[in-house]
PDB file of all heavy atoms in Angstrom:
ATOM      1  N   LYS A   1      53.782 -39.441 -18.087  1.00  0.00           N
ATOM      2  CA  LYS A   1      52.381 -39.552 -18.469  1.00  0.00           C
ATOM      3  C   LYS A   1      51.821 -38.185 -18.858  1.00  0.00           C
ATOM      4  O   LYS A   1      50.705 -38.087 -19.340  1.00  0.00           O
ATOM      5  CB  LYS A   1      51.575 -40.150 -17.320  1.00  0.00           C
ATOM      6  CG  LYS A   1      51.944 -41.590 -17.061  1.00  0.00           C
ATOM      7  CD  LYS A   1      51.153 -42.193 -15.941  1.00  0.00           C
ATOM      8  CE  LYS A   1      51.739 -43.579 -15.725  1.00  0.00           C
ATOM      9  NZ  LYS A   1      50.944 -44.509 -15.121  1.00  0.00           N
ATOM     10  N   LYS A   2      52.620 -37.133 -18.657  1.00  0.00           N
ATOM     11  CA  LYS A   2      52.192 -35.783 -19.010  1.00  0.00           C
ATOM     12  C   LYS A   2      52.298 -35.564 -20.511  1.00  0.00           C
ATOM     13  O   LYS A   2      53.067 -36.242 -21.197  1.00  0.00           O
ATOM     14  CB  LYS A   2      53.053 -34.740 -18.293  1.00  0.00           C
ATOM     15  CG  LYS A   2      52.820 -34.685 -16.809  1.00  0.00           C
ATOM     16  CD  LYS A   2      53.620 -33.534 -16.218  1.00  0.00           C
ATOM     17  CE  LYS A   2      53.312 -33.353 -14.754  1.00  0.00           C
ATOM     18  NZ  LYS A   2      53.985 -32.169 -14.219  1.00  0.00           N
ATOM     19  N   GLU A   3      51.532 -34.591 -20.986  1.00  0.00           N
ATOM     20  CA  GLU A   3      51.657 -34.214 -22.390  1.00  0.00           C
ATOM     21  C   GLU A   3      52.991 -33.538 -22.619  1.00  0.00           C
ATOM     22  O   GLU A   3      53.495 -32.824 -21.753  1.00  0.00           O
ATOM     23  CB  GLU A   3      50.525 -33.256 -22.780  1.00  0.00           C
ATOM     24  CG  GLU A   3      49.294 -33.991 -23.186  1.00  0.00           C
ATOM     25  CD  GLU A   3      48.405 -33.170 -24.090  1.00  0.00           C
ATOM     26  OE1 GLU A   3      48.907 -32.466 -24.986  1.00  0.00           O
ATOM     27  OE2 GLU A   3      47.206 -33.254 -23.865  1.00  0.00           O
ATOM     28  N   ILE A   4      53.526 -33.747 -23.805  1.00  0.00           N
ATOM     29  CA  ILE A   4      54.779 -33.089 -24.170  1.00  0.00           C
ATOM     30  C   ILE A   4      54.446 -31.692 -24.669  1.00  0.00           C
ATOM     31  O   ILE A   4      53.552 -31.496 -25.493  1.00  0.00           O
ATOM     32  CB  ILE A   4      55.525 -33.903 -25.250  1.00  0.00           C
ATOM     33  CG1 ILE A   4      55.922 -35.261 -24.668  1.00  0.00           C
ATOM     34  CG2 ILE A   4      56.739 -33.154 -25.743  1.00  0.00           C
ATOM     35  CD1 ILE A   4      56.570 -36.183 -25.661  1.00  0.00           C
ATOM     36  N   VAL A   5      55.180 -30.723 -24.165  1.00  0.00           N
ATOM     37  CA  VAL A   5      54.952 -29.333 -24.515  1.00  0.00           C
ATOM     38  C   VAL A   5      55.270 -29.084 -25.990  1.00  0.00           C
ATOM     39  O   VAL A   5      56.169 -29.696 -26.553  1.00  0.00           O
ATOM     40  CB  VAL A   5      55.783 -28.407 -23.588  1.00  0.00           C
ATOM     41  CG1 VAL A   5      57.267 -28.577 -23.842  1.00  0.00           C
ATOM     42  CG2 VAL A   5      55.392 -26.973 -23.731  1.00  0.00           C
ATOM     43  N   ASP A   6      54.520 -28.185 -26.602  1.00  0.00           N
ATOM     44  CA  ASP A   6      54.800 -27.747 -27.970  1.00  0.00           C
ATOM     45  C   ASP A   6      55.812 -26.614 -27.866  1.00  0.00           C
ATOM     46  O   ASP A   6      55.481 -25.498 -27.484  1.00  0.00           O
ATOM     47  CB  ASP A   6      53.514 -27.265 -28.642  1.00  0.00           C
ATOM     48  CG  ASP A   6      53.737 -26.738 -30.048  1.00  0.00           C
ATOM     49  OD1 ASP A   6      54.901 -26.628 -30.485  1.00  0.00           O
ATOM     50  OD2 ASP A   6      52.734 -26.415 -30.700  1.00  0.00           O
ATOM     51  N   THR A   7      57.065 -26.893 -28.187  1.00  0.00           N
ATOM     52  CA  THR A   7      58.126 -25.905 -27.999  1.00  0.00           C
ATOM     53  C   THR A   7      58.068 -24.754 -29.001  1.00  0.00           C
ATOM     54  O   THR A   7      58.817 -23.799 -28.859  1.00  0.00           O
ATOM     55  CB  THR A   7      59.518 -26.571 -28.065  1.00  0.00           C
ATOM     56  OG1 THR A   7      59.631 -27.263 -29.307  1.00  0.00           O
ATOM     57  CG2 THR A   7      59.718 -27.526 -26.901  1.00  0.00           C
ATOM     58  N   THR A   8      57.180 -24.837 -29.981  1.00  0.00           N
ATOM     59  CA  THR A   8      57.022 -23.694 -30.887  1.00  0.00           C
ATOM     60  C   THR A   8      56.174 -22.599 -30.243  1.00  0.00           C
ATOM     61  O   THR A   8      56.233 -21.445 -30.652  1.00  0.00           O
ATOM     62  CB  THR A   8      56.382 -24.100 -32.233  1.00  0.00           C
ATOM     63  OG1 THR A   8      55.068 -24.613 -31.993  1.00  0.00           O
ATOM     64  CG2 THR A   8      57.233 -25.131 -32.947  1.00  0.00           C
ATOM     65  N   THR A   9      55.410 -22.954 -29.209  1.00  0.00           N
ATOM     66  CA  THR A   9      54.544 -21.968 -28.554  1.00  0.00           C
ATOM     67  C   THR A   9      54.764 -21.867 -27.052  1.00  0.00           C
ATOM     68  O   THR A   9      54.296 -20.925 -26.425  1.00  0.00           O
ATOM     69  CB  THR A   9      53.060 -22.310 -28.792  1.00  0.00           C
ATOM     70  OG1 THR A   9      52.795 -23.617 -28.269  1.00  0.00           O
ATOM     71  CG2 THR A   9      52.719 -22.257 -30.269  1.00  0.00           C
ATOM     72  N   SER A  10      55.462 -22.829 -26.464  1.00  0.00           N
ATOM     73  CA  SER A  10      55.651 -22.858 -25.012  1.00  0.00           C
ATOM     74  C   SER A  10      57.094 -23.198 -24.671  1.00  0.00           C
ATOM     75  O   SER A  10      57.798 -23.821 -25.455  1.00  0.00           O
ATOM     76  CB  SER A  10      54.739 -23.911 -24.383  1.00  0.00           C
ATOM     77  OG  SER A  10      53.392 -23.658 -24.677  1.00  0.00           O
ATOM     78  N   SER A  11      57.494 -22.829 -23.459  1.00  0.00           N
ATOM     79  CA  SER A  11      58.825 -23.165 -22.960  1.00  0.00           C
ATOM     80  C   SER A  11      58.678 -24.100 -21.778  1.00  0.00           C
ATOM     81  O   SER A  11      57.857 -23.864 -20.900  1.00  0.00           O
ATOM     82  CB  SER A  11      59.570 -21.913 -22.493  1.00  0.00           C
ATOM     83  OG  SER A  11      59.755 -21.019 -23.549  1.00  0.00           O
ATOM     84  N   GLU A  12      59.459 -25.159 -21.762  1.00  0.00           N
ATOM     85  CA  GLU A  12      59.418 -26.056 -20.617  1.00  0.00           C
ATOM     86  C   GLU A  12      60.548 -25.757 -19.647  1.00  0.00           C
ATOM     87  O   GLU A  12      60.441 -26.012 -18.462  1.00  0.00           O
ATOM     88  CB  GLU A  12      59.425 -27.519 -21.066  1.00  0.00           C
ATOM     89  CG  GLU A  12      60.769 -28.124 -21.385  1.00  0.00           C
ATOM     90  CD  GLU A  12      61.329 -27.838 -22.774  1.00  0.00           C
ATOM     91  OE1 GLU A  12      61.083 -26.772 -23.343  1.00  0.00           O
ATOM     92  OE2 GLU A  12      62.049 -28.714 -23.304  1.00  0.00           O
ATOM     93  N   VAL A  13      61.659 -25.204 -20.161  1.00  0.00           N
ATOM     94  CA  VAL A  13      62.824 -24.919 -19.327  1.00  0.00           C
ATOM     95  C   VAL A  13      63.807 -24.104 -20.166  1.00  0.00           C
ATOM     96  O   VAL A  13      63.782 -24.157 -21.394  1.00  0.00           O
ATOM     97  CB  VAL A  13      63.473 -26.250 -18.836  1.00  0.00           C
ATOM     98  CG1 VAL A  13      64.075 -27.020 -19.983  1.00  0.00           C
ATOM     99  CG2 VAL A  13      64.485 -26.024 -17.743  1.00  0.00           C
ATOM    100  N   ILE A  14      64.654 -23.329 -19.511  1.00  0.00           N
ATOM    101  CA  ILE A  14      65.792 -22.698 -20.184  1.00  0.00           C
ATOM    102  C   ILE A  14      67.043 -23.323 -19.573  1.00  0.00           C
ATOM    103  O   ILE A  14      67.257 -23.249 -18.365  1.00  0.00           O
ATOM    104  CB  ILE A  14      65.820 -21.168 -19.998  1.00  0.00           C
ATOM    105  CG1 ILE A  14      64.561 -20.537 -20.586  1.00  0.00           C
ATOM    106  CG2 ILE A  14      67.085 -20.584 -20.642  1.00  0.00           C
ATOM    107  CD1 ILE A  14      64.438 -19.041 -20.305  1.00  0.00           C
ATOM    108  N   LEU A  15      67.824 -23.978 -20.409  1.00  0.00           N
ATOM    109  CA  LEU A  15      69.047 -24.633 -19.965  1.00  0.00           C
ATOM    110  C   LEU A  15      70.211 -23.677 -20.187  1.00  0.00           C
ATOM    111  O   LEU A  15      70.330 -23.088 -21.252  1.00  0.00           O
ATOM    112  CB  LEU A  15      69.254 -25.923 -20.757  1.00  0.00           C
ATOM    113  CG  LEU A  15      68.083 -26.899 -20.663  1.00  0.00           C
ATOM    114  CD1 LEU A  15      68.095 -27.860 -21.829  1.00  0.00           C
ATOM    115  CD2 LEU A  15      68.149 -27.635 -19.347  1.00  0.00           C
ATOM    116  N   CYS A  16      71.049 -23.529 -19.190  1.00  0.00           N
ATOM    117  CA  CYS A  16      72.179 -22.600 -19.305  1.00  0.00           C
ATOM    118  C   CYS A  16      73.459 -23.348 -18.969  1.00  0.00           C
ATOM    119  O   CYS A  16      73.524 -24.062 -17.971  1.00  0.00           O
ATOM    120  CB  CYS A  16      71.979 -21.423 -18.340  1.00  0.00           C
ATOM    121  SG  CYS A  16      73.272 -20.171 -18.456  1.00  0.00           S
ATOM    122  N   PHE A  17      74.460 -23.188 -19.828  1.00  0.00           N
ATOM    123  CA  PHE A  17      75.762 -23.782 -19.531  1.00  0.00           C
ATOM    124  C   PHE A  17      76.841 -22.728 -19.682  1.00  0.00           C
ATOM    125  O   PHE A  17      76.661 -21.711 -20.344  1.00  0.00           O
ATOM    126  CB  PHE A  17      76.047 -25.033 -20.379  1.00  0.00           C
ATOM    127  CG  PHE A  17      76.078 -24.819 -21.867  1.00  0.00           C
ATOM    128  CD1 PHE A  17      77.260 -24.500 -22.510  1.00  0.00           C
ATOM    129  CD2 PHE A  17      74.921 -24.961 -22.620  1.00  0.00           C
ATOM    130  CE1 PHE A  17      77.301 -24.332 -23.890  1.00  0.00           C
ATOM    131  CE2 PHE A  17      74.943 -24.800 -23.995  1.00  0.00           C
ATOM    132  CZ  PHE A  17      76.136 -24.475 -24.632  1.00  0.00           C
ATOM    133  N   SER A  18      77.965 -22.963 -19.025  1.00  0.00           N
ATOM    134  CA  SER A  18      79.024 -21.954 -18.980  1.00  0.00           C
ATOM    135  C   SER A  18      80.010 -22.120 -20.128  1.00  0.00           C
ATOM    136  O   SER A  18      80.207 -23.210 -20.658  1.00  0.00           O
ATOM    137  CB  SER A  18      79.768 -22.028 -17.650  1.00  0.00           C
ATOM    138  OG  SER A  18      80.367 -23.290 -17.492  1.00  0.00           O
ATOM    139  N   ALA A  19      80.618 -20.995 -20.472  1.00  0.00           N
ATOM    140  CA  ALA A  19      81.680 -20.954 -21.480  1.00  0.00           C
ATOM    141  C   ALA A  19      82.941 -20.417 -20.812  1.00  0.00           C
ATOM    142  O   ALA A  19      82.886 -19.832 -19.726  1.00  0.00           O
ATOM    143  CB  ALA A  19      81.268 -20.053 -22.642  1.00  0.00           C
ATOM    144  N   GLU A  20      84.058 -20.605 -21.480  1.00  0.00           N
ATOM    145  CA  GLU A  20      85.340 -20.188 -20.921  1.00  0.00           C
ATOM    146  C   GLU A  20      85.665 -18.720 -21.183  1.00  0.00           C
ATOM    147  O   GLU A  20      86.576 -18.176 -20.570  1.00  0.00           O
ATOM    148  CB  GLU A  20      86.450 -21.077 -21.461  1.00  0.00           C
ATOM    149  CG  GLU A  20      86.303 -22.521 -21.014  1.00  0.00           C
ATOM    150  CD  GLU A  20      87.350 -23.440 -21.622  1.00  0.00           C
ATOM    151  OE1 GLU A  20      88.265 -22.951 -22.316  1.00  0.00           O
ATOM    152  OE2 GLU A  20      87.245 -24.656 -21.407  1.00  0.00           O
ATOM    153  N   SER A  21      84.929 -18.086 -22.112  1.00  0.00           N
ATOM    154  CA  SER A  21      85.196 -16.685 -22.447  1.00  0.00           C
ATOM    155  C   SER A  21      83.983 -16.094 -23.160  1.00  0.00           C
ATOM    156  O   SER A  21      83.091 -16.829 -23.602  1.00  0.00           O
ATOM    157  CB  SER A  21      86.421 -16.569 -23.365  1.00  0.00           C
ATOM    158  OG  SER A  21      86.123 -17.148 -24.632  1.00  0.00           O
ATOM    159  N   ARG A  22      83.985 -14.768 -23.278  1.00  0.00           N
ATOM    160  CA  ARG A  22      82.930 -14.101 -24.049  1.00  0.00           C
ATOM    161  C   ARG A  22      82.984 -14.555 -25.507  1.00  0.00           C
ATOM    162  O   ARG A  22      81.953 -14.782 -26.130  1.00  0.00           O
ATOM    163  CB  ARG A  22      83.109 -12.581 -23.979  1.00  0.00           C
ATOM    164  CG  ARG A  22      82.806 -11.997 -22.629  1.00  0.00           C
ATOM    165  CD  ARG A  22      83.234 -10.514 -22.582  1.00  0.00           C
ATOM    166  NE  ARG A  22      82.987  -9.987 -21.262  1.00  0.00           N
ATOM    167  CZ  ARG A  22      81.950  -9.212 -20.951  1.00  0.00           C
ATOM    168  NH1 ARG A  22      81.097  -8.855 -21.871  1.00  0.00           N
ATOM    169  NH2 ARG A  22      81.786  -8.777 -19.720  1.00  0.00           N
ATOM    170  N   ASN A  23      84.196 -14.676 -26.032  1.00  0.00           N
ATOM    171  CA  ASN A  23      84.349 -15.118 -27.416  1.00  0.00           C
ATOM    172  C   ASN A  23      83.767 -16.511 -27.630  1.00  0.00           C
ATOM    173  O   ASN A  23      83.162 -16.781 -28.665  1.00  0.00           O
ATOM    174  CB  ASN A  23      85.823 -15.097 -27.835  1.00  0.00           C
ATOM    175  CG  ASN A  23      86.338 -13.697 -28.040  1.00  0.00           C
ATOM    176  OD1 ASN A  23      85.572 -12.755 -28.216  1.00  0.00           O
ATOM    177  ND2 ASN A  23      87.650 -13.549 -28.004  1.00  0.00           N
ATOM    178  N   GLN A  24      83.943 -17.394 -26.646  1.00  0.00           N
ATOM    179  CA  GLN A  24      83.398 -18.737 -26.779  1.00  0.00           C
ATOM    180  C   GLN A  24      81.867 -18.700 -26.753  1.00  0.00           C
ATOM    181  O   GLN A  24      81.223 -19.458 -27.468  1.00  0.00           O
ATOM    182  CB  GLN A  24      83.931 -19.668 -25.691  1.00  0.00           C
ATOM    183  CG  GLN A  24      83.545 -21.117 -25.957  1.00  0.00           C
ATOM    184  CD  GLN A  24      84.072 -22.073 -24.908  1.00  0.00           C
ATOM    185  OE1 GLN A  24      84.005 -21.796 -23.716  1.00  0.00           O
ATOM    186  NE2 GLN A  24      84.598 -23.205 -25.364  1.00  0.00           N
ATOM    187  N   VAL A  25      81.282 -17.811 -25.954  1.00  0.00           N
ATOM    188  CA  VAL A  25      79.824 -17.646 -25.957  1.00  0.00           C
ATOM    189  C   VAL A  25      79.368 -17.318 -27.375  1.00  0.00           C
ATOM    190  O   VAL A  25      78.476 -17.963 -27.932  1.00  0.00           O
ATOM    191  CB  VAL A  25      79.367 -16.544 -24.974  1.00  0.00           C
ATOM    192  CG1 VAL A  25      77.880 -16.215 -25.177  1.00  0.00           C
ATOM    193  CG2 VAL A  25      79.640 -16.929 -23.533  1.00  0.00           C
ATOM    194  N   ASP A  26      79.984 -16.297 -27.964  1.00  0.00           N
ATOM    195  CA  ASP A  26      79.619 -15.876 -29.319  1.00  0.00           C
ATOM    196  C   ASP A  26      79.837 -16.998 -30.333  1.00  0.00           C
ATOM    197  O   ASP A  26      79.008 -17.222 -31.222  1.00  0.00           O
ATOM    198  CB  ASP A  26      80.424 -14.641 -29.733  1.00  0.00           C
ATOM    199  CG  ASP A  26      80.055 -13.396 -28.951  1.00  0.00           C
ATOM    200  OD1 ASP A  26      78.973 -13.376 -28.312  1.00  0.00           O
ATOM    201  OD2 ASP A  26      80.854 -12.441 -28.970  1.00  0.00           O
TER     202      ASP A  26
END
């Protein structure tokens, strides 16, 4: 029932996931 955030001006969350190597991150 909440308003949806405008992601062009606000952040609702930062999602982080893991990679197997530095090269995979890049």
